[in-house]
N, C-alpha and C. Protein backbone atom coordinates (compact mmCIF):
# COMPACT_ATOMS: atom_id res chain seq x y z
N MET A 1 -26.45 -5.89 77.03
CA MET A 1 -27.19 -6.92 77.19
C MET A 1 -28.63 -6.19 76.23
N GLU A 2 -28.40 -4.69 76.84
CA GLU A 2 -30.02 -4.70 76.24
C GLU A 2 -30.08 -4.28 75.10
N ASN A 3 -29.12 -3.64 74.26
CA ASN A 3 -29.12 -3.21 72.77
C ASN A 3 -29.49 -5.14 71.97
N ASP A 4 -28.53 -5.53 72.75
CA ASP A 4 -28.22 -7.28 72.24
C ASP A 4 -30.16 -7.32 72.22
N THR A 5 -30.40 -7.59 73.62
CA THR A 5 -31.98 -8.43 73.23
C THR A 5 -32.68 -7.16 71.88
N LYS A 6 -32.47 -6.17 72.14
CA LYS A 6 -33.17 -5.01 71.23
C LYS A 6 -33.29 -5.51 69.85
N MET A 7 -31.64 -5.88 69.69
CA MET A 7 -31.27 -5.94 67.72
C MET A 7 -32.44 -7.49 67.52
N LYS A 8 -32.38 -8.35 68.60
CA LYS A 8 -32.05 -9.64 68.69
C LYS A 8 -34.09 -9.74 68.30
N GLU A 9 -34.52 -9.17 69.00
CA GLU A 9 -36.08 -8.71 68.81
C GLU A 9 -36.82 -8.34 67.16
N GLN A 10 -36.16 -6.97 67.29
CA GLN A 10 -35.93 -6.38 65.70
C GLN A 10 -36.17 -7.57 65.06
N ILE A 11 -34.81 -7.91 64.83
CA ILE A 11 -34.17 -9.34 63.59
C ILE A 11 -36.03 -10.42 63.42
N GLU A 12 -36.18 -11.01 64.93
CA GLU A 12 -37.31 -11.62 64.53
C GLU A 12 -38.22 -11.04 64.23
N ALA A 13 -38.64 -10.07 64.29
CA ALA A 13 -39.79 -9.31 63.97
C ALA A 13 -39.68 -9.28 62.68
N THR A 14 -38.63 -8.61 61.24
CA THR A 14 -38.32 -8.80 60.39
C THR A 14 -38.25 -10.41 60.27
N LEU A 15 -37.71 -11.12 60.63
CA LEU A 15 -38.02 -12.48 60.04
C LEU A 15 -39.51 -12.82 59.38
N ASN A 16 -39.93 -12.88 61.19
CA ASN A 16 -41.73 -12.95 60.83
C ASN A 16 -42.60 -12.29 60.37
N SER A 17 -42.41 -10.69 59.31
CA SER A 17 -42.84 -10.33 58.76
C SER A 17 -42.56 -11.55 57.05
N LEU A 18 -42.17 -11.21 57.25
CA LEU A 18 -41.49 -12.25 55.94
C LEU A 18 -42.50 -13.87 55.17
N ASP A 19 -42.92 -14.68 56.92
CA ASP A 19 -43.33 -15.58 57.09
C ASP A 19 -44.56 -15.56 55.94
N ASN A 20 -45.53 -14.54 55.92
CA ASN A 20 -46.86 -14.21 55.17
C ASN A 20 -46.68 -13.16 54.03
N ILE A 21 -45.46 -13.37 53.51
CA ILE A 21 -45.37 -12.58 52.30
C ILE A 21 -45.83 -14.51 51.09
N ASN A 22 -46.37 -14.14 50.19
CA ASN A 22 -46.94 -15.49 49.14
C ASN A 22 -45.98 -14.76 48.02
N ARG A 23 -46.21 -15.70 47.22
CA ARG A 23 -44.66 -15.47 45.92
C ARG A 23 -45.70 -14.48 44.50
N ALA A 24 -44.94 -13.54 43.95
CA ALA A 24 -46.30 -12.94 43.18
C ALA A 24 -46.33 -13.92 41.61
N GLU A 25 -47.39 -13.56 41.60
CA GLU A 25 -47.98 -14.52 39.92
C GLU A 25 -48.08 -13.21 39.09
N ALA A 26 -47.94 -14.01 37.82
CA ALA A 26 -48.10 -12.96 36.76
C ALA A 26 -49.98 -13.33 35.64
N PRO A 27 -50.71 -12.18 35.20
CA PRO A 27 -51.68 -12.67 34.75
C PRO A 27 -51.66 -13.74 33.85
N PRO A 28 -52.80 -14.12 33.64
CA PRO A 28 -53.27 -15.16 33.14
C PRO A 28 -52.68 -14.90 31.05
N TYR A 29 -52.02 -15.52 30.74
CA TYR A 29 -51.23 -15.58 29.01
C TYR A 29 -50.09 -14.53 28.98
N PHE A 30 -49.82 -14.13 30.03
CA PHE A 30 -48.27 -13.39 30.58
C PHE A 30 -47.37 -13.76 29.24
N TYR A 31 -47.32 -14.53 29.56
CA TYR A 31 -45.89 -14.77 28.37
C TYR A 31 -46.21 -15.71 27.15
N THR A 32 -46.98 -15.77 27.08
CA THR A 32 -47.55 -15.83 25.33
C THR A 32 -47.97 -14.14 24.95
N ARG A 33 -48.71 -13.40 25.46
CA ARG A 33 -48.34 -11.89 24.91
C ARG A 33 -47.06 -11.72 25.02
N LEU A 34 -46.04 -11.99 25.96
CA LEU A 34 -44.63 -11.01 26.15
C LEU A 34 -43.72 -11.87 24.80
N LEU A 35 -44.33 -13.10 24.40
CA LEU A 35 -43.74 -13.79 24.01
C LEU A 35 -43.84 -12.90 22.16
N ALA A 36 -44.97 -12.82 21.87
CA ALA A 36 -45.68 -12.43 20.66
C ALA A 36 -45.28 -10.60 20.50
N ARG A 37 -45.20 -10.31 21.18
CA ARG A 37 -44.32 -8.48 21.75
C ARG A 37 -42.72 -8.91 21.01
N MET A 38 -42.55 -9.61 21.68
CA MET A 38 -41.01 -10.20 20.78
C MET A 38 -40.52 -10.07 19.45
N GLU A 39 -41.46 -10.58 19.14
CA GLU A 39 -41.61 -11.32 17.93
C GLU A 39 -41.98 -10.51 17.23
N LYS A 40 -43.05 -10.00 16.91
CA LYS A 40 -43.45 -8.83 16.64
C LYS A 40 -42.17 -7.57 16.35
N GLU A 41 -41.83 -7.13 17.78
CA GLU A 41 -40.69 -6.29 17.05
C GLU A 41 -39.25 -7.13 16.97
N LYS A 42 -39.55 -7.96 16.95
CA LYS A 42 -38.12 -7.97 15.85
C LYS A 42 -38.39 -8.58 14.28
N VAL A 43 -39.68 -9.33 14.04
CA VAL A 43 -39.94 -7.99 12.30
C VAL A 43 -39.45 -7.03 12.32
N SER A 44 -39.97 -6.35 12.95
CA SER A 44 -40.64 -5.16 12.57
C SER A 44 -39.55 -4.11 12.22
N THR A 45 -38.21 -4.51 12.05
CA THR A 45 -36.94 -3.65 11.79
C THR A 45 -36.47 -4.30 10.64
N LEU A 46 -37.24 -5.27 10.02
CA LEU A 46 -36.81 -5.74 8.44
C LEU A 46 -37.59 -5.58 8.57
N GLY A 47 -39.22 -5.90 8.67
CA GLY A 47 -40.01 -5.46 7.67
C GLY A 47 -40.61 -4.18 7.83
N LYS A 48 -39.85 -3.15 8.50
CA LYS A 48 -40.17 -2.08 8.00
C LYS A 48 -39.53 -1.31 6.87
N LEU A 49 -38.03 -2.46 6.15
CA LEU A 49 -37.17 -1.98 5.49
C LEU A 49 -38.25 -2.69 4.09
N LEU A 50 -38.26 -3.99 4.73
CA LEU A 50 -39.44 -4.07 3.08
C LEU A 50 -40.66 -3.54 3.04
N GLN A 51 -40.92 -2.96 4.32
CA GLN A 51 -42.29 -2.21 3.41
C GLN A 51 -42.29 -1.12 2.58
N VAL A 52 -40.89 -0.54 2.88
CA VAL A 52 -40.73 1.11 2.91
C VAL A 52 -40.17 0.31 1.01
N LEU A 53 -39.06 -0.71 0.35
CA LEU A 53 -39.46 -1.07 -0.42
C LEU A 53 -39.89 -1.52 -1.29
N ASN A 54 -41.24 -2.26 -0.60
CA ASN A 54 -42.25 -2.66 -1.52
C ASN A 54 -43.48 -1.98 -1.73
N ARG A 55 -43.04 -0.09 -2.06
CA ARG A 55 -43.86 0.62 -1.97
C ARG A 55 -43.95 0.92 -3.91
N PRO A 56 -44.84 1.12 -4.56
CA PRO A 56 -44.05 1.21 -5.98
C PRO A 56 -43.32 2.49 -6.40
N VAL A 57 -43.84 3.72 -5.24
CA VAL A 57 -42.52 4.68 -5.74
C VAL A 57 -41.51 4.77 -5.65
N VAL A 58 -40.99 3.40 -4.30
CA VAL A 58 -40.15 3.23 -4.37
C VAL A 58 -38.71 1.97 -5.51
N SER A 59 -39.30 1.58 -5.46
CA SER A 59 -39.37 1.02 -6.20
C SER A 59 -39.61 1.14 -8.21
N LEU A 60 -39.84 2.01 -8.01
CA LEU A 60 -40.04 2.96 -9.64
C LEU A 60 -38.51 3.23 -9.90
N SER A 61 -38.65 4.69 -8.41
CA SER A 61 -37.14 5.08 -8.65
C SER A 61 -36.11 4.84 -8.70
N LEU A 62 -36.17 3.68 -7.87
CA LEU A 62 -34.54 2.25 -7.51
C LEU A 62 -34.62 2.15 -9.22
N LEU A 63 -35.23 1.70 -9.54
CA LEU A 63 -35.70 0.79 -11.04
C LEU A 63 -35.25 1.95 -12.05
N THR A 64 -35.50 3.03 -12.10
CA THR A 64 -35.00 4.32 -13.05
C THR A 64 -33.34 4.20 -12.31
N LEU A 65 -33.18 4.59 -11.28
CA LEU A 65 -32.01 4.72 -11.30
C LEU A 65 -30.36 3.99 -11.59
N PHE A 66 -31.21 2.63 -11.64
CA PHE A 66 -30.45 1.61 -11.79
C PHE A 66 -30.33 1.68 -13.92
N LEU A 67 -31.33 1.76 -14.55
CA LEU A 67 -31.66 2.02 -15.94
C LEU A 67 -30.72 3.12 -15.88
N VAL A 68 -30.58 4.40 -15.27
CA VAL A 68 -30.03 5.61 -16.10
C VAL A 68 -27.80 5.64 -15.66
N LEU A 69 -27.63 4.82 -14.41
CA LEU A 69 -26.51 4.45 -13.87
C LEU A 69 -26.02 3.05 -15.48
N ASN A 70 -27.05 2.26 -15.76
CA ASN A 70 -26.81 1.26 -16.72
C ASN A 70 -26.15 1.96 -18.04
N VAL A 71 -27.06 3.22 -18.53
CA VAL A 71 -26.79 3.88 -19.45
C VAL A 71 -25.76 4.09 -19.26
N ILE A 72 -25.64 4.88 -18.22
CA ILE A 72 -24.12 5.63 -18.25
C ILE A 72 -23.02 4.65 -18.27
N ALA A 73 -22.89 3.84 -18.24
CA ALA A 73 -21.71 2.50 -18.58
C ALA A 73 -21.51 2.02 -19.55
N ILE A 74 -23.23 2.02 -20.38
CA ILE A 74 -22.65 1.54 -21.62
C ILE A 74 -22.07 2.74 -22.57
N ARG A 75 -22.54 3.77 -22.77
CA ARG A 75 -22.21 4.99 -23.50
C ARG A 75 -20.12 5.26 -22.87
N GLY A 76 -20.43 4.90 -21.33
CA GLY A 76 -18.29 5.14 -21.31
C GLY A 76 -17.85 3.67 -21.99
N ILE A 77 -18.42 2.19 -21.78
CA ILE A 77 -17.80 1.60 -22.12
C ILE A 77 -17.78 1.59 -24.20
N MET A 78 -18.71 2.13 -24.28
CA MET A 78 -18.96 2.49 -26.28
C MET A 78 -17.96 3.60 -26.21
N SER A 79 -17.84 4.06 -25.67
CA SER A 79 -16.33 5.87 -25.56
C SER A 79 -15.25 5.04 -25.22
N SER A 80 -14.90 3.57 -25.14
CA SER A 80 -13.87 3.90 -24.60
C SER A 80 -12.35 3.52 -25.63
N PRO A 81 -12.66 2.54 -27.24
CA PRO A 81 -11.48 3.05 -27.94
C PRO A 81 -10.76 4.32 -27.57
N LYS A 82 -11.26 5.40 -28.25
CA LYS A 82 -10.46 6.96 -28.15
C LYS A 82 -9.73 6.89 -26.71
N ALA A 83 -10.42 6.40 -25.36
CA ALA A 83 -10.12 6.39 -24.19
C ALA A 83 -8.89 5.49 -24.06
N ALA A 84 -8.95 4.42 -25.02
CA ALA A 84 -7.80 3.22 -24.48
C ALA A 84 -6.79 3.97 -26.07
N GLN A 85 -6.87 4.58 -26.79
CA GLN A 85 -5.87 5.45 -27.76
C GLN A 85 -5.12 6.75 -27.18
N SER A 86 -5.80 7.14 -26.29
CA SER A 86 -5.11 8.73 -25.28
C SER A 86 -4.74 8.23 -24.25
N SER A 87 -5.03 6.76 -23.57
CA SER A 87 -4.10 6.45 -22.61
C SER A 87 -3.10 5.87 -22.48
N GLY A 88 -2.83 5.48 -24.01
CA GLY A 88 -2.10 4.91 -24.75
C GLY A 88 -0.67 5.89 -24.20
N THR A 89 -1.09 7.18 -25.14
CA THR A 89 0.02 7.84 -25.23
C THR A 89 0.80 9.09 -23.76
N ALA A 90 -0.65 8.65 -23.11
CA ALA A 90 -0.63 9.34 -22.03
C ALA A 90 0.75 8.25 -20.95
N VAL A 91 0.59 7.06 -20.84
CA VAL A 91 1.27 6.10 -20.46
C VAL A 91 2.78 6.53 -21.12
N GLN A 92 2.68 6.71 -22.40
CA GLN A 92 4.10 6.92 -22.67
C GLN A 92 4.68 8.20 -22.29
N ASN A 93 3.91 9.61 -22.10
CA ASN A 93 4.36 10.88 -21.53
C ASN A 93 4.88 10.60 -20.43
N PHE A 94 4.04 9.77 -19.66
CA PHE A 94 4.28 9.63 -18.19
C PHE A 94 5.62 8.50 -18.28
N ALA A 95 6.13 7.66 -18.59
CA ALA A 95 6.83 6.99 -18.53
C ALA A 95 8.07 7.49 -19.29
N SER A 96 8.03 8.76 -20.44
CA SER A 96 9.18 10.02 -21.00
C SER A 96 9.93 10.80 -19.93
N GLU A 97 8.51 10.92 -19.33
CA GLU A 97 8.76 12.20 -17.96
C GLU A 97 9.63 11.90 -17.37
N TYR A 98 9.56 10.52 -16.94
CA TYR A 98 10.04 9.96 -15.07
C TYR A 98 11.33 8.94 -16.39
N ASN A 99 12.05 9.26 -17.23
CA ASN A 99 12.83 8.73 -18.09
C ASN A 99 12.76 6.86 -17.66
N LEU A 100 11.33 6.33 -17.66
CA LEU A 100 11.37 4.88 -17.94
C LEU A 100 11.46 4.64 -19.15
N SER A 101 11.12 5.06 -20.09
CA SER A 101 11.22 4.54 -21.34
C SER A 101 11.99 3.56 -21.54
N THR A 102 11.92 1.93 -22.28
CA THR A 102 12.23 1.51 -22.63
C THR A 102 12.84 1.08 -23.66
N ASN A 103 13.77 0.58 -24.56
CA ASN A 103 13.64 0.37 -26.09
C ASN A 103 12.75 -1.50 -25.80
N SER A 104 12.55 -1.32 -26.76
CA SER A 104 11.62 -2.79 -27.18
C SER A 104 12.72 -3.23 -27.73
N VAL A 105 12.52 -4.46 -28.25
CA VAL A 105 13.28 -5.63 -28.49
C VAL A 105 12.14 -5.96 -30.00
N TYR A 106 11.14 -5.40 -30.12
CA TYR A 106 9.88 -5.87 -30.73
C TYR A 106 9.85 -4.49 -31.46
N GLY A 107 10.09 -3.45 -31.29
CA GLY A 107 10.07 -2.08 -32.39
C GLY A 107 10.86 -1.83 -33.09
N ASN A 108 10.62 -1.08 -34.36
CA ASN A 108 11.06 -1.25 -35.24
C ASN A 108 12.94 -0.30 -35.23
N GLN A 109 13.17 -1.58 -36.50
CA GLN A 109 14.78 -1.22 -36.03
C GLN A 109 15.53 -0.52 -37.70
N ASN A 110 16.02 0.07 -37.33
CA ASN A 110 16.37 0.97 -38.58
C ASN A 110 18.21 0.69 -38.87
């Protein structure tokens, strides 16, 4: 019995201690500052990439890289007729190697 009364007294003491608690309040303009910081962090990931790309050194180096790649591609296209002729013989060699040669109806008929 004595334990029950002590337990009840402790419970009442605990509940009475909660009576004087006030609600916590945020400092003035806290929500506005929090939203501004969140927007700044959201833009910063994309903004950092754009800042790097907007630098003249980076943009000029990318432009030079694309120019070099285009020159290489154009040279490859200009030399492709020679490659097309040699690739035709390569296909014929491959076909004859694996016995895939077929007689053409439109070929030379003797």
